[in-house]
Amino acid sequence: MAEEWINKYVVVKRGDLNQYLNRDEYQQFQSLLEKVRKARLDQEGKYPQNYFVVNKDEPYAECVAMLIEAGWQKKDSKLKLDKFV
């Protein structure tokens, strides 16, 4: 996997939030997320995005990383997925 990849996102499993936070903590967490979402929209015009998340410990993680890197390198051309599978 690419060593130059930067850990720039925070991923929290919803089940963990429900299991480990009490109701007040969960509401505070949601409020903070909403504050960031609103600020990004108001100040930068950025709408929320959706992402796929891959656990780096899974056996297919290297393949997914290669596909992503190939997509970065060849945004204008079609990917041949059979090359990576």
N, C-alpha and C. Protein backbone atom coordinates (compact mmCIF):
# COMPACT_ATOMS: atom_id res chain seq x y z
N MET A 1 0.84 -1.18 0.00
CA MET A 1 0.00 0.00 0.00
C MET A 1 0.89 1.24 0.00
N ALA A 2 0.41 2.27 -0.58
CA ALA A 2 1.21 3.49 -0.74
C ALA A 2 1.62 4.05 0.61
N GLU A 3 2.91 4.21 0.80
CA GLU A 3 3.43 4.76 2.05
C GLU A 3 3.11 6.23 2.20
N GLU A 4 2.91 6.92 1.05
CA GLU A 4 2.69 8.36 1.11
C GLU A 4 1.25 8.73 1.45
N TRP A 5 0.37 7.74 1.60
CA TRP A 5 -1.02 8.04 1.95
C TRP A 5 -1.05 8.70 3.32
N ILE A 6 -1.87 9.71 3.43
CA ILE A 6 -1.94 10.47 4.67
C ILE A 6 -3.21 10.09 5.41
N ASN A 7 -3.11 9.93 6.69
CA ASN A 7 -4.25 9.60 7.53
C ASN A 7 -4.98 10.91 7.84
N LYS A 8 -5.89 11.32 6.92
CA LYS A 8 -6.52 12.62 7.07
C LYS A 8 -8.00 12.54 7.42
N TYR A 9 -8.52 11.37 7.65
CA TYR A 9 -9.93 11.21 7.99
C TYR A 9 -10.07 10.50 9.33
N VAL A 10 -11.16 10.77 10.00
CA VAL A 10 -11.49 10.07 11.23
C VAL A 10 -12.73 9.24 10.94
N VAL A 11 -12.65 7.97 11.21
CA VAL A 11 -13.78 7.07 10.99
C VAL A 11 -14.19 6.49 12.33
N VAL A 12 -15.45 6.63 12.65
CA VAL A 12 -15.98 6.08 13.91
C VAL A 12 -17.16 5.19 13.57
N LYS A 13 -17.11 3.98 14.01
CA LYS A 13 -18.19 3.03 13.76
C LYS A 13 -19.42 3.45 14.59
N ARG A 14 -20.55 3.57 13.91
CA ARG A 14 -21.78 4.00 14.60
C ARG A 14 -22.13 3.10 15.77
N GLY A 15 -21.90 1.81 15.61
CA GLY A 15 -22.17 0.87 16.69
C GLY A 15 -21.34 1.17 17.94
N ASP A 16 -20.09 1.62 17.72
CA ASP A 16 -19.24 1.99 18.86
C ASP A 16 -19.79 3.22 19.58
N LEU A 17 -20.29 4.18 18.80
CA LEU A 17 -20.88 5.36 19.43
C LEU A 17 -22.06 4.97 20.31
N ASN A 18 -22.91 4.12 19.78
CA ASN A 18 -24.08 3.68 20.54
C ASN A 18 -23.69 2.86 21.76
N GLN A 19 -22.64 2.08 21.63
CA GLN A 19 -22.23 1.21 22.73
C GLN A 19 -21.47 1.94 23.83
N TYR A 20 -20.63 2.89 23.45
CA TYR A 20 -19.70 3.47 24.42
C TYR A 20 -20.02 4.89 24.87
N LEU A 21 -20.97 5.56 24.22
CA LEU A 21 -21.34 6.91 24.64
C LEU A 21 -22.73 6.88 25.27
N ASN A 22 -22.88 7.69 26.30
CA ASN A 22 -24.23 7.82 26.84
C ASN A 22 -25.01 8.79 25.95
N ARG A 23 -26.27 8.96 26.25
CA ARG A 23 -27.14 9.79 25.40
C ARG A 23 -26.62 11.21 25.24
N ASP A 24 -26.19 11.84 26.34
CA ASP A 24 -25.68 13.22 26.28
C ASP A 24 -24.41 13.30 25.44
N GLU A 25 -23.49 12.36 25.64
CA GLU A 25 -22.25 12.35 24.87
C GLU A 25 -22.53 12.16 23.38
N TYR A 26 -23.47 11.28 23.08
CA TYR A 26 -23.83 11.05 21.68
C TYR A 26 -24.41 12.32 21.06
N GLN A 27 -25.26 13.02 21.78
CA GLN A 27 -25.84 14.27 21.27
C GLN A 27 -24.77 15.33 21.09
N GLN A 28 -23.80 15.40 22.01
CA GLN A 28 -22.69 16.35 21.88
C GLN A 28 -21.86 16.03 20.63
N PHE A 29 -21.59 14.75 20.43
CA PHE A 29 -20.84 14.31 19.26
C PHE A 29 -21.57 14.71 17.98
N GLN A 30 -22.86 14.46 17.92
CA GLN A 30 -23.66 14.82 16.75
C GLN A 30 -23.66 16.33 16.54
N SER A 31 -23.73 17.10 17.62
CA SER A 31 -23.70 18.56 17.52
C SER A 31 -22.39 19.05 16.93
N LEU A 32 -21.28 18.46 17.35
CA LEU A 32 -19.97 18.84 16.82
C LEU A 32 -19.86 18.50 15.33
N LEU A 33 -20.35 17.34 14.96
CA LEU A 33 -20.33 16.98 13.54
C LEU A 33 -21.17 17.96 12.72
N GLU A 34 -22.32 18.33 13.24
CA GLU A 34 -23.19 19.27 12.54
C GLU A 34 -22.54 20.65 12.44
N LYS A 35 -21.82 21.06 13.48
CA LYS A 35 -21.11 22.34 13.45
C LYS A 35 -20.08 22.36 12.32
N VAL A 36 -19.32 21.27 12.18
CA VAL A 36 -18.32 21.18 11.12
C VAL A 36 -19.00 21.15 9.76
N ARG A 37 -20.06 20.36 9.62
CA ARG A 37 -20.79 20.27 8.35
C ARG A 37 -21.30 21.64 7.92
N LYS A 38 -21.90 22.36 8.85
CA LYS A 38 -22.47 23.68 8.55
C LYS A 38 -21.37 24.68 8.19
N ALA A 39 -20.27 24.67 8.92
CA ALA A 39 -19.16 25.59 8.65
C ALA A 39 -18.57 25.32 7.27
N ARG A 40 -18.39 24.05 6.91
CA ARG A 40 -17.85 23.72 5.58
C ARG A 40 -18.77 24.23 4.48
N LEU A 41 -20.07 24.12 4.71
CA LEU A 41 -21.03 24.57 3.71
C LEU A 41 -21.06 26.10 3.64
N ASP A 42 -21.14 26.75 4.80
CA ASP A 42 -21.23 28.21 4.85
C ASP A 42 -19.96 28.91 4.39
N GLN A 43 -18.81 28.42 4.83
CA GLN A 43 -17.55 29.11 4.56
C GLN A 43 -16.87 28.66 3.26
N GLU A 44 -17.10 27.41 2.87
CA GLU A 44 -16.38 26.88 1.71
C GLU A 44 -17.31 26.40 0.61
N GLY A 45 -18.61 26.38 0.88
CA GLY A 45 -19.56 25.89 -0.11
C GLY A 45 -19.46 24.39 -0.35
N LYS A 46 -18.91 23.66 0.60
CA LYS A 46 -18.70 22.22 0.45
C LYS A 46 -19.84 21.44 1.10
N TYR A 47 -20.48 20.62 0.29
CA TYR A 47 -21.54 19.75 0.80
C TYR A 47 -20.93 18.48 1.37
N PRO A 48 -21.63 17.81 2.27
CA PRO A 48 -21.11 16.55 2.82
C PRO A 48 -20.84 15.54 1.71
N GLN A 49 -19.78 14.80 1.87
CA GLN A 49 -19.41 13.77 0.92
C GLN A 49 -19.58 12.40 1.57
N ASN A 50 -19.69 11.40 0.75
CA ASN A 50 -19.79 10.03 1.23
C ASN A 50 -18.56 9.27 0.76
N TYR A 51 -18.08 8.37 1.60
CA TYR A 51 -16.86 7.65 1.30
C TYR A 51 -17.05 6.16 1.51
N PHE A 52 -16.25 5.39 0.80
CA PHE A 52 -16.10 3.98 1.10
C PHE A 52 -14.95 3.88 2.09
N VAL A 53 -15.07 3.01 3.06
CA VAL A 53 -14.03 2.82 4.05
C VAL A 53 -13.55 1.37 3.96
N VAL A 54 -12.25 1.20 3.91
CA VAL A 54 -11.67 -0.14 3.85
C VAL A 54 -10.73 -0.32 5.03
N ASN A 55 -10.93 -1.40 5.76
CA ASN A 55 -10.04 -1.74 6.85
C ASN A 55 -8.72 -2.21 6.26
N LYS A 56 -7.63 -1.55 6.61
CA LYS A 56 -6.33 -1.88 6.04
C LYS A 56 -5.85 -3.28 6.41
N ASP A 57 -6.45 -3.89 7.42
CA ASP A 57 -6.06 -5.23 7.83
C ASP A 57 -6.73 -6.33 7.01
N GLU A 58 -7.70 -5.97 6.17
CA GLU A 58 -8.38 -6.97 5.36
C GLU A 58 -7.48 -7.44 4.22
N PRO A 59 -7.63 -8.70 3.80
CA PRO A 59 -6.76 -9.23 2.75
C PRO A 59 -6.91 -8.53 1.41
N TYR A 60 -8.03 -7.89 1.16
CA TYR A 60 -8.27 -7.21 -0.12
C TYR A 60 -7.87 -5.73 -0.10
N ALA A 61 -7.37 -5.24 1.02
CA ALA A 61 -7.05 -3.82 1.16
C ALA A 61 -6.00 -3.36 0.14
N GLU A 62 -4.99 -4.18 -0.09
CA GLU A 62 -3.93 -3.83 -1.05
C GLU A 62 -4.52 -3.66 -2.46
N CYS A 63 -5.43 -4.53 -2.82
CA CYS A 63 -6.08 -4.46 -4.13
C CYS A 63 -6.89 -3.16 -4.26
N VAL A 64 -7.63 -2.81 -3.23
CA VAL A 64 -8.42 -1.58 -3.24
C VAL A 64 -7.50 -0.37 -3.35
N ALA A 65 -6.41 -0.38 -2.61
CA ALA A 65 -5.45 0.73 -2.67
C ALA A 65 -4.88 0.88 -4.08
N MET A 66 -4.58 -0.24 -4.72
CA MET A 66 -4.05 -0.19 -6.08
C MET A 66 -5.08 0.40 -7.05
N LEU A 67 -6.33 0.04 -6.89
CA LEU A 67 -7.39 0.58 -7.73
C LEU A 67 -7.52 2.10 -7.55
N ILE A 68 -7.46 2.53 -6.30
CA ILE A 68 -7.56 3.97 -6.02
C ILE A 68 -6.37 4.71 -6.63
N GLU A 69 -5.18 4.18 -6.43
CA GLU A 69 -3.99 4.83 -7.00
C GLU A 69 -4.07 4.87 -8.52
N ALA A 70 -4.52 3.80 -9.13
CA ALA A 70 -4.66 3.77 -10.58
C ALA A 70 -5.67 4.81 -11.04
N GLY A 71 -6.73 4.99 -10.26
CA GLY A 71 -7.72 6.00 -10.58
C GLY A 71 -7.15 7.40 -10.51
N TRP A 72 -6.29 7.64 -9.54
CA TRP A 72 -5.65 8.95 -9.43
C TRP A 72 -4.76 9.19 -10.64
N GLN A 73 -4.04 8.16 -11.05
CA GLN A 73 -3.08 8.30 -12.14
C GLN A 73 -3.76 8.37 -13.50
N LYS A 74 -4.92 7.77 -13.65
CA LYS A 74 -5.58 7.67 -14.95
C LYS A 74 -7.02 8.14 -14.88
N LYS A 75 -7.24 9.30 -14.33
CA LYS A 75 -8.61 9.81 -14.17
C LYS A 75 -9.36 9.92 -15.50
N ASP A 76 -8.65 10.17 -16.57
CA ASP A 76 -9.31 10.38 -17.85
C ASP A 76 -9.49 9.10 -18.66
N SER A 77 -8.95 7.99 -18.21
CA SER A 77 -9.10 6.75 -18.97
C SER A 77 -9.82 5.71 -18.13
N LYS A 78 -10.37 4.70 -18.80
CA LYS A 78 -11.10 3.64 -18.10
C LYS A 78 -10.11 2.70 -17.41
N LEU A 79 -10.47 2.25 -16.22
CA LEU A 79 -9.65 1.27 -15.51
C LEU A 79 -10.01 -0.13 -15.98
N LYS A 80 -9.01 -0.97 -16.09
CA LYS A 80 -9.26 -2.38 -16.37
C LYS A 80 -9.17 -3.11 -15.03
N LEU A 81 -10.33 -3.39 -14.45
CA LEU A 81 -10.36 -3.98 -13.12
C LEU A 81 -9.74 -5.36 -13.08
N ASP A 82 -9.79 -6.12 -14.17
CA ASP A 82 -9.25 -7.48 -14.17
C ASP A 82 -7.74 -7.47 -13.92
N LYS A 83 -7.10 -6.36 -14.15
CA LYS A 83 -5.66 -6.22 -13.91
C LYS A 83 -5.32 -6.36 -12.42
N PHE A 84 -6.27 -6.02 -11.56
CA PHE A 84 -6.01 -5.98 -10.13
C PHE A 84 -6.64 -7.14 -9.37
N VAL A 85 -7.52 -7.87 -10.00
CA VAL A 85 -8.26 -8.92 -9.29
C VAL A 85 -7.65 -10.26 -9.55
